[in-house]
Amino acid sequence: MCGTASFRCRRVRYVIRIRQSLRLTLAGNTLYLGLGVSGQPKSSPWRWAKSGMSILSFVMGAFIFSRFMRYLGPLRRSTLVYSWLIQAVLIYICAALEDTGVVPNNAGDVLPDNFIVLLPLGLLSVQSAGQMAMSRILGYGEVTSVVLTSSYFDFAFDDKVFDGPTRNVKRNRRLGSMI
């Protein structure tokens, strides 16, 4: 299908699969993080590290992208271009890491000996948060995938995230739903 570029096509499909799974599984990652704290499942003792990296990177990405876009002016053409450029670079870096063999094909199976698998997971989680920030800024907030994903994102996206406990009722509700 991809002709002489089939090797690169496989790598791009790999990155796309990771991106899709990140967006669709933040709720599952929360579950695995909780199970990992209790030492479960015995068959995948390091799954919590991947889940934790995914969640933490997504929340950090949401925080950074939302502040970046607000600072530059959310609906300015240059802001949108910078956001798309940053997201494209993050995806390209992940594809290059896989393409060059920095991240081995069996990366998910090499934990705890090699934590390199966490690098593309983190970068793609940040990119996914950037994509969600773009949908919110453009007024398509209903384009979400999972309830917990929305809660994580809205928590980091909130301008008043650091206000006192009685000053931000919506943030408190989001935290309650995550717990």
Foldseek 3Di string as FASTA:
>chain_A
DCPPCVLLVVLLVVLVVLLVCLQQCLVVLLVVLVQLVVQPDVVQNCSNVLSVLLLVLLLVLLLVLLVQCVVVPPPDPVNVVVLVVLLVVLSVVSSVCDSVCVQPPVNSPCPPVDPVVSSNSSSSSSSSSSVQSNCVSVPNNVPGRDPLSSLSNCCSNDPCNPPDPVPDVPNVVSVVVSD
